[in-house]
Amino acid sequence: MSELDKIQTIMVDTFKDLADQLGQAEPFECKDEMILFGAGATLDSLTLVSLVVDLESRISDEWGREISLTDDRAMTRAVSPFDTFISLKTYINELVTEK
């Protein structure tokens, strides 16, 4: 399984668990274009924080090292990692594949 496939699986599982925690009847549609935060977003700010914490924990478990999805590098990017599902997946991939 490629790194991107692992990240995709972790993200989908995290969104599924988040929907369960929120008591949503329907799961999140984890498509690349899904808007995570901002105008037309799927998540509110508190839910986004919960998502980030869960993702960081699962990524740490999978790759055996700590990462931060909300560090200065993430916050100063021209395109926020939290704009869409694909932008977050791409950012996570950058973090887990860097040496």
PDB file of N, CA and C in Angstrom:
ATOM      1  N   MET A   1       0.855  -1.180   0.000  1.00  0.00           N
ATOM      2  CA  MET A   1       0.000   0.000   0.000  1.00  0.00           C
ATOM      3  C   MET A   1       0.899   1.241   0.000  1.00  0.00           C
ATOM      4  N   SER A   2       0.611   2.177  -0.875  1.00  0.00           N
ATOM      5  CA  SER A   2       1.415   3.399  -0.959  1.00  0.00           C
ATOM      6  C   SER A   2       1.135   4.317   0.236  1.00  0.00           C
ATOM      7  N   GLU A   3       2.017   5.274   0.419  1.00  0.00           N
ATOM      8  CA  GLU A   3       1.829   6.245   1.507  1.00  0.00           C
ATOM      9  C   GLU A   3       0.502   6.990   1.332  1.00  0.00           C
ATOM     10  N   LEU A   4       0.212   7.412   0.098  1.00  0.00           N
ATOM     11  CA  LEU A   4      -1.052   8.127  -0.144  1.00  0.00           C
ATOM     12  C   LEU A   4      -2.260   7.250   0.152  1.00  0.00           C
ATOM     13  N   ASP A   5      -2.173   5.961  -0.165  1.00  0.00           N
ATOM     14  CA  ASP A   5      -3.274   5.044   0.144  1.00  0.00           C
ATOM     15  C   ASP A   5      -3.459   4.903   1.655  1.00  0.00           C
ATOM     16  N   LYS A   6      -2.341   4.813   2.390  1.00  0.00           N
ATOM     17  CA  LYS A   6      -2.423   4.738   3.854  1.00  0.00           C
ATOM     18  C   LYS A   6      -3.065   6.003   4.422  1.00  0.00           C
ATOM     19  N   ILE A   7      -2.634   7.148   3.900  1.00  0.00           N
ATOM     20  CA  ILE A   7      -3.187   8.423   4.369  1.00  0.00           C
ATOM     21  C   ILE A   7      -4.674   8.496   4.066  1.00  0.00           C
ATOM     22  N   GLN A   8      -5.055   8.098   2.866  1.00  0.00           N
ATOM     23  CA  GLN A   8      -6.472   8.089   2.473  1.00  0.00           C
ATOM     24  C   GLN A   8      -7.280   7.235   3.447  1.00  0.00           C
ATOM     25  N   THR A   9      -6.791   6.047   3.743  1.00  0.00           N
ATOM     26  CA  THR A   9      -7.498   5.140   4.655  1.00  0.00           C
ATOM     27  C   THR A   9      -7.621   5.750   6.046  1.00  0.00           C
ATOM     28  N   ILE A  10      -6.535   6.313   6.541  1.00  0.00           N
ATOM     29  CA  ILE A  10      -6.564   6.946   7.863  1.00  0.00           C
ATOM     30  C   ILE A  10      -7.561   8.099   7.882  1.00  0.00           C
ATOM     31  N   MET A  11      -7.545   8.914   6.842  1.00  0.00           N
ATOM     32  CA  MET A  11      -8.458  10.058   6.799  1.00  0.00           C
ATOM     33  C   MET A  11      -9.915   9.614   6.730  1.00  0.00           C
ATOM     34  N   VAL A  12     -10.221   8.656   5.871  1.00  0.00           N
ATOM     35  CA  VAL A  12     -11.601   8.168   5.749  1.00  0.00           C
ATOM     36  C   VAL A  12     -12.063   7.560   7.069  1.00  0.00           C
ATOM     37  N   ASP A  13     -11.217   6.749   7.692  1.00  0.00           N
ATOM     38  CA  ASP A  13     -11.568   6.147   8.985  1.00  0.00           C
ATOM     39  C   ASP A  13     -11.792   7.217  10.053  1.00  0.00           C
ATOM     40  N   THR A  14     -10.959   8.249  10.048  1.00  0.00           N
ATOM     41  CA  THR A  14     -11.096   9.330  11.027  1.00  0.00           C
ATOM     42  C   THR A  14     -12.394  10.094  10.806  1.00  0.00           C
ATOM     43  N   PHE A  15     -12.717  10.382   9.562  1.00  0.00           N
ATOM     44  CA  PHE A  15     -13.985  11.058   9.265  1.00  0.00           C
ATOM     45  C   PHE A  15     -15.179  10.186   9.639  1.00  0.00           C
ATOM     46  N   LYS A  16     -15.072   8.878   9.419  1.00  0.00           N
ATOM     47  CA  LYS A  16     -16.166   7.972   9.791  1.00  0.00           C
ATOM     48  C   LYS A  16     -16.378   7.997  11.302  1.00  0.00           C
ATOM     49  N   ASP A  17     -15.297   7.896  12.054  1.00  0.00           N
ATOM     50  CA  ASP A  17     -15.394   7.936  13.512  1.00  0.00           C
ATOM     51  C   ASP A  17     -15.922   9.283  14.000  1.00  0.00           C
ATOM     52  N   LEU A  18     -15.518  10.351  13.349  1.00  0.00           N
ATOM     53  CA  LEU A  18     -15.992  11.685  13.708  1.00  0.00           C
ATOM     54  C   LEU A  18     -17.495  11.800  13.478  1.00  0.00           C
ATOM     55  N   ALA A  19     -17.977  11.284  12.367  1.00  0.00           N
ATOM     56  CA  ALA A  19     -19.420  11.303  12.089  1.00  0.00           C
ATOM     57  C   ALA A  19     -20.177  10.511  13.152  1.00  0.00           C
ATOM     58  N   ASP A  20     -19.619   9.375  13.558  1.00  0.00           N
ATOM     59  CA  ASP A  20     -20.239   8.572  14.619  1.00  0.00           C
ATOM     60  C   ASP A  20     -20.285   9.347  15.934  1.00  0.00           C
ATOM     61  N   GLN A  21     -19.181  10.023  16.273  1.00  0.00           N
ATOM     62  CA  GLN A  21     -19.126  10.807  17.509  1.00  0.00           C
ATOM     63  C   GLN A  21     -20.143  11.937  17.498  1.00  0.00           C
ATOM     64  N   LEU A  22     -20.364  12.501  16.319  1.00  0.00           N
ATOM     65  CA  LEU A  22     -21.310  13.616  16.187  1.00  0.00           C
ATOM     66  C   LEU A  22     -22.753  13.139  16.066  1.00  0.00           C
ATOM     67  N   GLY A  23     -22.942  11.824  15.969  1.00  0.00           N
ATOM     68  CA  GLY A  23     -24.282  11.271  15.845  1.00  0.00           C
ATOM     69  C   GLY A  23     -24.921  11.538  14.493  1.00  0.00           C
ATOM     70  N   GLN A  24     -24.095  11.690  13.477  1.00  0.00           N
ATOM     71  CA  GLN A  24     -24.606  11.946  12.136  1.00  0.00           C
ATOM     72  C   GLN A  24     -25.180  10.667  11.547  1.00  0.00           C
ATOM     73  N   ALA A  25     -26.341  10.792  10.923  1.00  0.00           N
ATOM     74  CA  ALA A  25     -26.955   9.638  10.274  1.00  0.00           C
ATOM     75  C   ALA A  25     -26.170   9.238   9.024  1.00  0.00           C
ATOM     76  N   GLU A  26     -25.633  10.223   8.333  1.00  0.00           N
ATOM     77  CA  GLU A  26     -24.871   9.986   7.107  1.00  0.00           C
ATOM     78  C   GLU A  26     -23.389  10.267   7.362  1.00  0.00           C
ATOM     79  N   PRO A  27     -22.511   9.429   6.842  1.00  0.00           N
ATOM     80  CA  PRO A  27     -21.077   9.703   6.996  1.00  0.00           C
ATOM     81  C   PRO A  27     -20.654  10.867   6.099  1.00  0.00           C
ATOM     82  N   PHE A  28     -19.494  11.415   6.374  1.00  0.00           N
ATOM     83  CA  PHE A  28     -18.939  12.446   5.505  1.00  0.00           C
ATOM     84  C   PHE A  28     -18.598  11.816   4.158  1.00  0.00           C
ATOM     85  N   GLU A  29     -18.809  12.563   3.082  1.00  0.00           N
ATOM     86  CA  GLU A  29     -18.387  12.110   1.758  1.00  0.00           C
ATOM     87  C   GLU A  29     -16.944  12.533   1.559  1.00  0.00           C
ATOM     88  N   CYS A  30     -16.049  11.615   1.684  1.00  0.00           N
ATOM     89  CA  CYS A  30     -14.619  11.927   1.628  1.00  0.00           C
ATOM     90  C   CYS A  30     -14.130  11.947   0.184  1.00  0.00           C
ATOM     91  N   LYS A  31     -14.487  13.012  -0.500  1.00  0.00           N
ATOM     92  CA  LYS A  31     -14.035  13.219  -1.876  1.00  0.00           C
ATOM     93  C   LYS A  31     -12.964  14.297  -1.865  1.00  0.00           C
ATOM     94  N   ASP A  32     -12.094  14.253  -2.860  1.00  0.00           N
ATOM     95  CA  ASP A  32     -10.985  15.203  -2.923  1.00  0.00           C
ATOM     96  C   ASP A  32     -11.440  16.647  -2.826  1.00  0.00           C
ATOM     97  N   GLU A  33     -12.564  16.981  -3.425  1.00  0.00           N
ATOM     98  CA  GLU A  33     -13.027  18.371  -3.464  1.00  0.00           C
ATOM     99  C   GLU A  33     -13.839  18.791  -2.235  1.00  0.00           C
ATOM    100  N   MET A  34     -14.029  17.893  -1.280  1.00  0.00           N
ATOM    101  CA  MET A  34     -14.795  18.240  -0.081  1.00  0.00           C
ATOM    102  C   MET A  34     -14.131  19.412   0.641  1.00  0.00           C
ATOM    103  N   ILE A  35     -14.883  20.483   0.851  1.00  0.00           N
ATOM    104  CA  ILE A  35     -14.374  21.664   1.546  1.00  0.00           C
ATOM    105  C   ILE A  35     -14.398  21.384   3.044  1.00  0.00           C
ATOM    106  N   LEU A  36     -13.251  21.518   3.679  1.00  0.00           N
ATOM    107  CA  LEU A  36     -13.154  21.212   5.102  1.00  0.00           C
ATOM    108  C   LEU A  36     -13.479  22.402   5.987  1.00  0.00           C
ATOM    109  N   PHE A  37     -12.971  23.571   5.610  1.00  0.00           N
ATOM    110  CA  PHE A  37     -13.131  24.727   6.483  1.00  0.00           C
ATOM    111  C   PHE A  37     -13.236  25.984   5.641  1.00  0.00           C
ATOM    112  N   GLY A  38     -14.072  26.916   6.088  1.00  0.00           N
ATOM    113  CA  GLY A  38     -14.289  28.159   5.350  1.00  0.00           C
ATOM    114  C   GLY A  38     -15.684  28.167   4.747  1.00  0.00           C
ATOM    115  N   ALA A  39     -15.888  29.020   3.755  1.00  0.00           N
ATOM    116  CA  ALA A  39     -17.202  29.146   3.114  1.00  0.00           C
ATOM    117  C   ALA A  39     -17.607  27.814   2.481  1.00  0.00           C
ATOM    118  N   GLY A  40     -18.814  27.364   2.789  1.00  0.00           N
ATOM    119  CA  GLY A  40     -19.320  26.108   2.250  1.00  0.00           C
ATOM    120  C   GLY A  40     -18.695  24.879   2.872  1.00  0.00           C
ATOM    121  N   ALA A  41     -18.106  25.045   4.039  1.00  0.00           N
ATOM    122  CA  ALA A  41     -17.343  23.969   4.675  1.00  0.00           C
ATOM    123  C   ALA A  41     -18.216  22.870   5.250  1.00  0.00           C
ATOM    124  N   THR A  42     -17.613  21.708   5.322  1.00  0.00           N
ATOM    125  CA  THR A  42     -18.226  20.535   5.926  1.00  0.00           C
ATOM    126  C   THR A  42     -18.128  20.585   7.447  1.00  0.00           C
ATOM    127  N   LEU A  43     -17.069  21.198   7.972  1.00  0.00           N
ATOM    128  CA  LEU A  43     -16.777  21.181   9.403  1.00  0.00           C
ATOM    129  C   LEU A  43     -16.848  22.569  10.015  1.00  0.00           C
ATOM    130  N   ASP A  44     -17.262  22.632  11.284  1.00  0.00           N
ATOM    131  CA  ASP A  44     -17.126  23.886  12.023  1.00  0.00           C
ATOM    132  C   ASP A  44     -15.764  23.857  12.726  1.00  0.00           C
ATOM    133  N   SER A  45     -15.412  24.940  13.386  1.00  0.00           N
ATOM    134  CA  SER A  45     -14.062  25.049  13.953  1.00  0.00           C
ATOM    135  C   SER A  45     -13.785  23.997  15.028  1.00  0.00           C
ATOM    136  N   LEU A  46     -14.748  23.705  15.880  1.00  0.00           N
ATOM    137  CA  LEU A  46     -14.524  22.703  16.933  1.00  0.00           C
ATOM    138  C   LEU A  46     -14.360  21.306  16.350  1.00  0.00           C
ATOM    139  N   THR A  47     -15.137  21.007  15.332  1.00  0.00           N
ATOM    140  CA  THR A  47     -15.035  19.704  14.687  1.00  0.00           C
ATOM    141  C   THR A  47     -13.702  19.574  13.957  1.00  0.00           C
ATOM    142  N   LEU A  48     -13.238  20.666  13.365  1.00  0.00           N
ATOM    143  CA  LEU A  48     -11.935  20.654  12.697  1.00  0.00           C
ATOM    144  C   LEU A  48     -10.814  20.371  13.699  1.00  0.00           C
ATOM    145  N   VAL A  49     -10.888  20.977  14.874  1.00  0.00           N
ATOM    146  CA  VAL A  49      -9.880  20.732  15.911  1.00  0.00           C
ATOM    147  C   VAL A  49      -9.880  19.255  16.301  1.00  0.00           C
ATOM    148  N   SER A  50     -11.050  18.693  16.488  1.00  0.00           N
ATOM    149  CA  SER A  50     -11.161  17.278  16.832  1.00  0.00           C
ATOM    150  C   SER A  50     -10.567  16.401  15.730  1.00  0.00           C
ATOM    151  N   LEU A  51     -10.865  16.743  14.488  1.00  0.00           N
ATOM    152  CA  LEU A  51     -10.316  16.008  13.352  1.00  0.00           C
ATOM    153  C   LEU A  51      -8.790  16.056  13.357  1.00  0.00           C
ATOM    154  N   VAL A  52      -8.229  17.233  13.553  1.00  0.00           N
ATOM    155  CA  VAL A  52      -6.772  17.406  13.540  1.00  0.00           C
ATOM    156  C   VAL A  52      -6.119  16.565  14.637  1.00  0.00           C
ATOM    157  N   VAL A  53      -6.668  16.614  15.844  1.00  0.00           N
ATOM    158  CA  VAL A  53      -6.106  15.844  16.962  1.00  0.00           C
ATOM    159  C   VAL A  53      -6.153  14.351  16.656  1.00  0.00           C
ATOM    160  N   ASP A  54      -7.283  13.880  16.154  1.00  0.00           N
ATOM    161  CA  ASP A  54      -7.417  12.457  15.823  1.00  0.00           C
ATOM    162  C   ASP A  54      -6.452  12.048  14.710  1.00  0.00           C
ATOM    163  N   LEU A  55      -6.347  12.877  13.679  1.00  0.00           N
ATOM    164  CA  LEU A  55      -5.432  12.559  12.578  1.00  0.00           C
ATOM    165  C   LEU A  55      -3.983  12.520  13.053  1.00  0.00           C
ATOM    166  N   GLU A  56      -3.579  13.496  13.842  1.00  0.00           N
ATOM    167  CA  GLU A  56      -2.203  13.517  14.348  1.00  0.00           C
ATOM    168  C   GLU A  56      -1.894  12.253  15.143  1.00  0.00           C
ATOM    169  N   SER A  57      -2.832  11.814  15.949  1.00  0.00           N
ATOM    170  CA  SER A  57      -2.644  10.608  16.751  1.00  0.00           C
ATOM    171  C   SER A  57      -2.520   9.364  15.870  1.00  0.00           C
ATOM    172  N   ARG A  58      -3.394   9.239  14.900  1.00  0.00           N
ATOM    173  CA  ARG A  58      -3.370   8.058  14.024  1.00  0.00           C
ATOM    174  C   ARG A  58      -2.123   8.037  13.137  1.00  0.00           C
ATOM    175  N   ILE A  59      -1.725   9.207  12.675  1.00  0.00           N
ATOM    176  CA  ILE A  59      -0.525   9.294  11.843  1.00  0.00           C
ATOM    177  C   ILE A  59       0.704   8.929  12.670  1.00  0.00           C
ATOM    178  N   SER A  60       0.755   9.414  13.893  1.00  0.00           N
ATOM    179  CA  SER A  60       1.852   9.075  14.794  1.00  0.00           C
ATOM    180  C   SER A  60       1.913   7.566  15.022  1.00  0.00           C
ATOM    181  N   ASP A  61       0.761   6.950  15.226  1.00  0.00           N
ATOM    182  CA  ASP A  61       0.710   5.498  15.424  1.00  0.00           C
ATOM    183  C   ASP A  61       1.211   4.747  14.187  1.00  0.00           C
ATOM    184  N   GLU A  62       0.822   5.206  13.012  1.00  0.00           N
ATOM    185  CA  GLU A  62       1.180   4.517  11.763  1.00  0.00           C
ATOM    186  C   GLU A  62       2.655   4.678  11.405  1.00  0.00           C
ATOM    187  N   TRP A  63       3.185   5.892  11.547  1.00  0.00           N
ATOM    188  CA  TRP A  63       4.552   6.164  11.104  1.00  0.00           C
ATOM    189  C   TRP A  63       5.563   6.221  12.250  1.00  0.00           C
ATOM    190  N   GLY A  64       5.095   6.122  13.478  1.00  0.00           N
ATOM    191  CA  GLY A  64       6.001   6.059  14.617  1.00  0.00           C
ATOM    192  C   GLY A  64       6.738   7.345  14.926  1.00  0.00           C
ATOM    193  N   ARG A  65       6.163   8.473  14.523  1.00  0.00           N
ATOM    194  CA  ARG A  65       6.769   9.762  14.869  1.00  0.00           C
ATOM    195  C   ARG A  65       5.685  10.819  14.949  1.00  0.00           C
ATOM    196  N   GLU A  66       5.968  11.812  15.762  1.00  0.00           N
ATOM    197  CA  GLU A  66       5.006  12.894  15.968  1.00  0.00           C
ATOM    198  C   GLU A  66       5.032  13.857  14.785  1.00  0.00           C
ATOM    199  N   ILE A  67       3.854  14.310  14.391  1.00  0.00           N
ATOM    200  CA  ILE A  67       3.761  15.387  13.410  1.00  0.00           C
ATOM    201  C   ILE A  67       2.754  16.402  13.926  1.00  0.00           C
ATOM    202  N   SER A  68       2.867  17.611  13.424  1.00  0.00           N
ATOM    203  CA  SER A  68       1.899  18.653  13.756  1.00  0.00           C
ATOM    204  C   SER A  68       1.277  19.154  12.463  1.00  0.00           C
ATOM    205  N   LEU A  69      -0.029  19.087  12.402  1.00  0.00           N
ATOM    206  CA  LEU A  69      -0.740  19.582  11.220  1.00  0.00           C
ATOM    207  C   LEU A  69      -1.012  21.075  11.301  1.00  0.00           C
ATOM    208  N   THR A  70      -0.715  21.678  12.456  1.00  0.00           N
ATOM    209  CA  THR A  70      -1.036  23.098  12.648  1.00  0.00           C
ATOM    210  C   THR A  70       0.193  23.927  12.998  1.00  0.00           C
ATOM    211  N   ASP A  71       1.352  23.506  12.537  1.00  0.00           N
ATOM    212  CA  ASP A  71       2.562  24.272  12.820  1.00  0.00           C
ATOM    213  C   ASP A  71       2.641  25.509  11.923  1.00  0.00           C
ATOM    214  N   ASP A  72       3.691  26.294  12.121  1.00  0.00           N
ATOM    215  CA  ASP A  72       3.859  27.526  11.339  1.00  0.00           C
ATOM    216  C   ASP A  72       3.874  27.260   9.842  1.00  0.00           C
ATOM    217  N   ARG A  73       4.494  26.171   9.465  1.00  0.00           N
ATOM    218  CA  ARG A  73       4.569  25.836   8.036  1.00  0.00           C
ATOM    219  C   ARG A  73       3.176  25.654   7.437  1.00  0.00           C
ATOM    220  N   ALA A  74       2.292  25.001   8.176  1.00  0.00           N
ATOM    221  CA  ALA A  74       0.926  24.797   7.687  1.00  0.00           C
ATOM    222  C   ALA A  74       0.161  26.108   7.613  1.00  0.00           C
ATOM    223  N   MET A  75       0.366  26.951   8.607  1.00  0.00           N
ATOM    224  CA  MET A  75      -0.415  28.186   8.696  1.00  0.00           C
ATOM    225  C   MET A  75       0.049  29.272   7.729  1.00  0.00           C
ATOM    226  N   THR A  76       1.256  29.142   7.191  1.00  0.00           N
ATOM    227  CA  THR A  76       1.774  30.182   6.301  1.00  0.00           C
ATOM    228  C   THR A  76       1.756  29.771   4.828  1.00  0.00           C
ATOM    229  N   ARG A  77       1.163  28.656   4.526  1.00  0.00           N
ATOM    230  CA  ARG A  77       1.087  28.205   3.130  1.00  0.00           C
ATOM    231  C   ARG A  77       0.122  29.078   2.338  1.00  0.00           C
ATOM    232  N   ALA A  78       0.399  29.230   1.064  1.00  0.00           N
ATOM    233  CA  ALA A  78      -0.496  29.999   0.188  1.00  0.00           C
ATOM    234  C   ALA A  78      -1.870  29.339   0.121  1.00  0.00           C
ATOM    235  N   VAL A  79      -1.888  28.020   0.056  1.00  0.00           N
ATOM    236  CA  VAL A  79      -3.138  27.255   0.084  1.00  0.00           C
ATOM    237  C   VAL A  79      -3.153  26.483   1.393  1.00  0.00           C
ATOM    238  N   SER A  80      -4.148  26.750   2.219  1.00  0.00           N
ATOM    239  CA  SER A  80      -4.239  26.091   3.522  1.00  0.00           C
ATOM    240  C   SER A  80      -4.428  24.586   3.361  1.00  0.00           C
ATOM    241  N   PRO A  81      -3.762  23.793   4.191  1.00  0.00           N
ATOM    242  CA  PRO A  81      -3.998  22.353   4.179  1.00  0.00           C
ATOM    243  C   PRO A  81      -5.445  21.999   4.543  1.00  0.00           C
ATOM    244  N   PHE A  82      -6.146  22.938   5.138  1.00  0.00           N
ATOM    245  CA  PHE A  82      -7.502  22.666   5.609  1.00  0.00           C
ATOM    246  C   PHE A  82      -8.584  23.162   4.654  1.00  0.00           C
ATOM    247  N   ASP A  83      -8.191  23.556   3.450  1.00  0.00           N
ATOM    248  CA  ASP A  83      -9.179  23.986   2.456  1.00  0.00           C
ATOM    249  C   ASP A  83     -10.055  22.826   2.004  1.00  0.00           C
ATOM    250  N   THR A  84      -9.420  21.756   1.556  1.00  0.00           N
ATOM    251  CA  THR A  84     -10.153  20.614   1.006  1.00  0.00           C
ATOM    252  C   THR A  84      -9.544  19.304   1.504  1.00  0.00           C
ATOM    253  N   PHE A  85     -10.271  18.238   1.260  1.00  0.00           N
ATOM    254  CA  PHE A  85      -9.793  16.901   1.612  1.00  0.00           C
ATOM    255  C   PHE A  85      -8.448  16.631   0.942  1.00  0.00           C
ATOM    256  N   ILE A  86      -8.338  16.940  -0.355  1.00  0.00           N
ATOM    257  CA  ILE A  86      -7.101  16.657  -1.086  1.00  0.00           C
ATOM    258  C   ILE A  86      -5.947  17.535  -0.607  1.00  0.00           C
ATOM    259  N   SER A  87      -6.219  18.779  -0.238  1.00  0.00           N
ATOM    260  CA  SER A  87      -5.121  19.628   0.243  1.00  0.00           C
ATOM    261  C   SER A  87      -4.581  19.111   1.573  1.00  0.00           C
ATOM    262  N   LEU A  88      -5.456  18.594   2.422  1.00  0.00           N
ATOM    263  CA  LEU A  88      -5.000  18.019   3.691  1.00  0.00           C
ATOM    264  C   LEU A  88      -4.239  16.719   3.450  1.00  0.00           C
ATOM    265  N   LYS A  89      -4.756  15.885   2.570  1.00  0.00           N
ATOM    266  CA  LYS A  89      -4.075  14.624   2.255  1.00  0.00           C
ATOM    267  C   LYS A  89      -2.682  14.893   1.674  1.00  0.00           C
ATOM    268  N   THR A  90      -2.581  15.861   0.797  1.00  0.00           N
ATOM    269  CA  THR A  90      -1.300  16.217   0.193  1.00  0.00           C
ATOM    270  C   THR A  90      -0.322  16.727   1.246  1.00  0.00           C
ATOM    271  N   TYR A  91      -0.810  17.558   2.156  1.00  0.00           N
ATOM    272  CA  TYR A  91       0.051  18.094   3.206  1.00  0.00           C
ATOM    273  C   TYR A  91       0.535  16.981   4.139  1.00  0.00           C
ATOM    274  N   ILE A  92      -0.350  16.102   4.523  1.00  0.00           N
ATOM    275  CA  ILE A  92       0.049  14.973   5.375  1.00  0.00           C
ATOM    276  C   ILE A  92       1.109  14.137   4.661  1.00  0.00           C
ATOM    277  N   ASN A  93       0.923  13.899   3.378  1.00  0.00           N
ATOM    278  CA  ASN A  93       1.906  13.133   2.611  1.00  0.00           C
ATOM    279  C   ASN A  93       3.273  13.814   2.630  1.00  0.00           C
ATOM    280  N   GLU A  94       3.295  15.128   2.489  1.00  0.00           N
ATOM    281  CA  GLU A  94       4.563  15.864   2.566  1.00  0.00           C
ATOM    282  C   GLU A  94       5.239  15.636   3.916  1.00  0.00           C
ATOM    283  N   LEU A  95       4.446  15.673   4.981  1.00  0.00           N
ATOM    284  CA  LEU A  95       5.008  15.522   6.325  1.00  0.00           C
ATOM    285  C   LEU A  95       5.557  14.121   6.575  1.00  0.00           C
ATOM    286  N   VAL A  96       4.826  13.109   6.151  1.00  0.00           N
ATOM    287  CA  VAL A  96       5.254  11.738   6.467  1.00  0.00           C
ATOM    288  C   VAL A  96       6.359  11.237   5.543  1.00  0.00           C
ATOM    289  N   THR A  97       6.536  11.878   4.395  1.00  0.00           N
ATOM    290  CA  THR A  97       7.572  11.412   3.475  1.00  0.00           C
ATOM    291  C   THR A  97       8.856  12.223   3.553  1.00  0.00           C
ATOM    292  N   GLU A  98       8.846  13.334   4.312  1.00  0.00           N
ATOM    293  CA  GLU A  98      10.086  14.107   4.422  1.00  0.00           C
ATOM    294  C   GLU A  98      11.056  13.407   5.358  1.00  0.00           C
ATOM    295  N   LYS A  99      12.295  13.606   5.102  1.00  0.00           N
ATOM    296  CA  LYS A  99      13.346  12.946   5.897  1.00  0.00           C
ATOM    297  C   LYS A  99      13.713  13.783   7.090  1.00  0.00           C
TER     298      LYS A  99
END
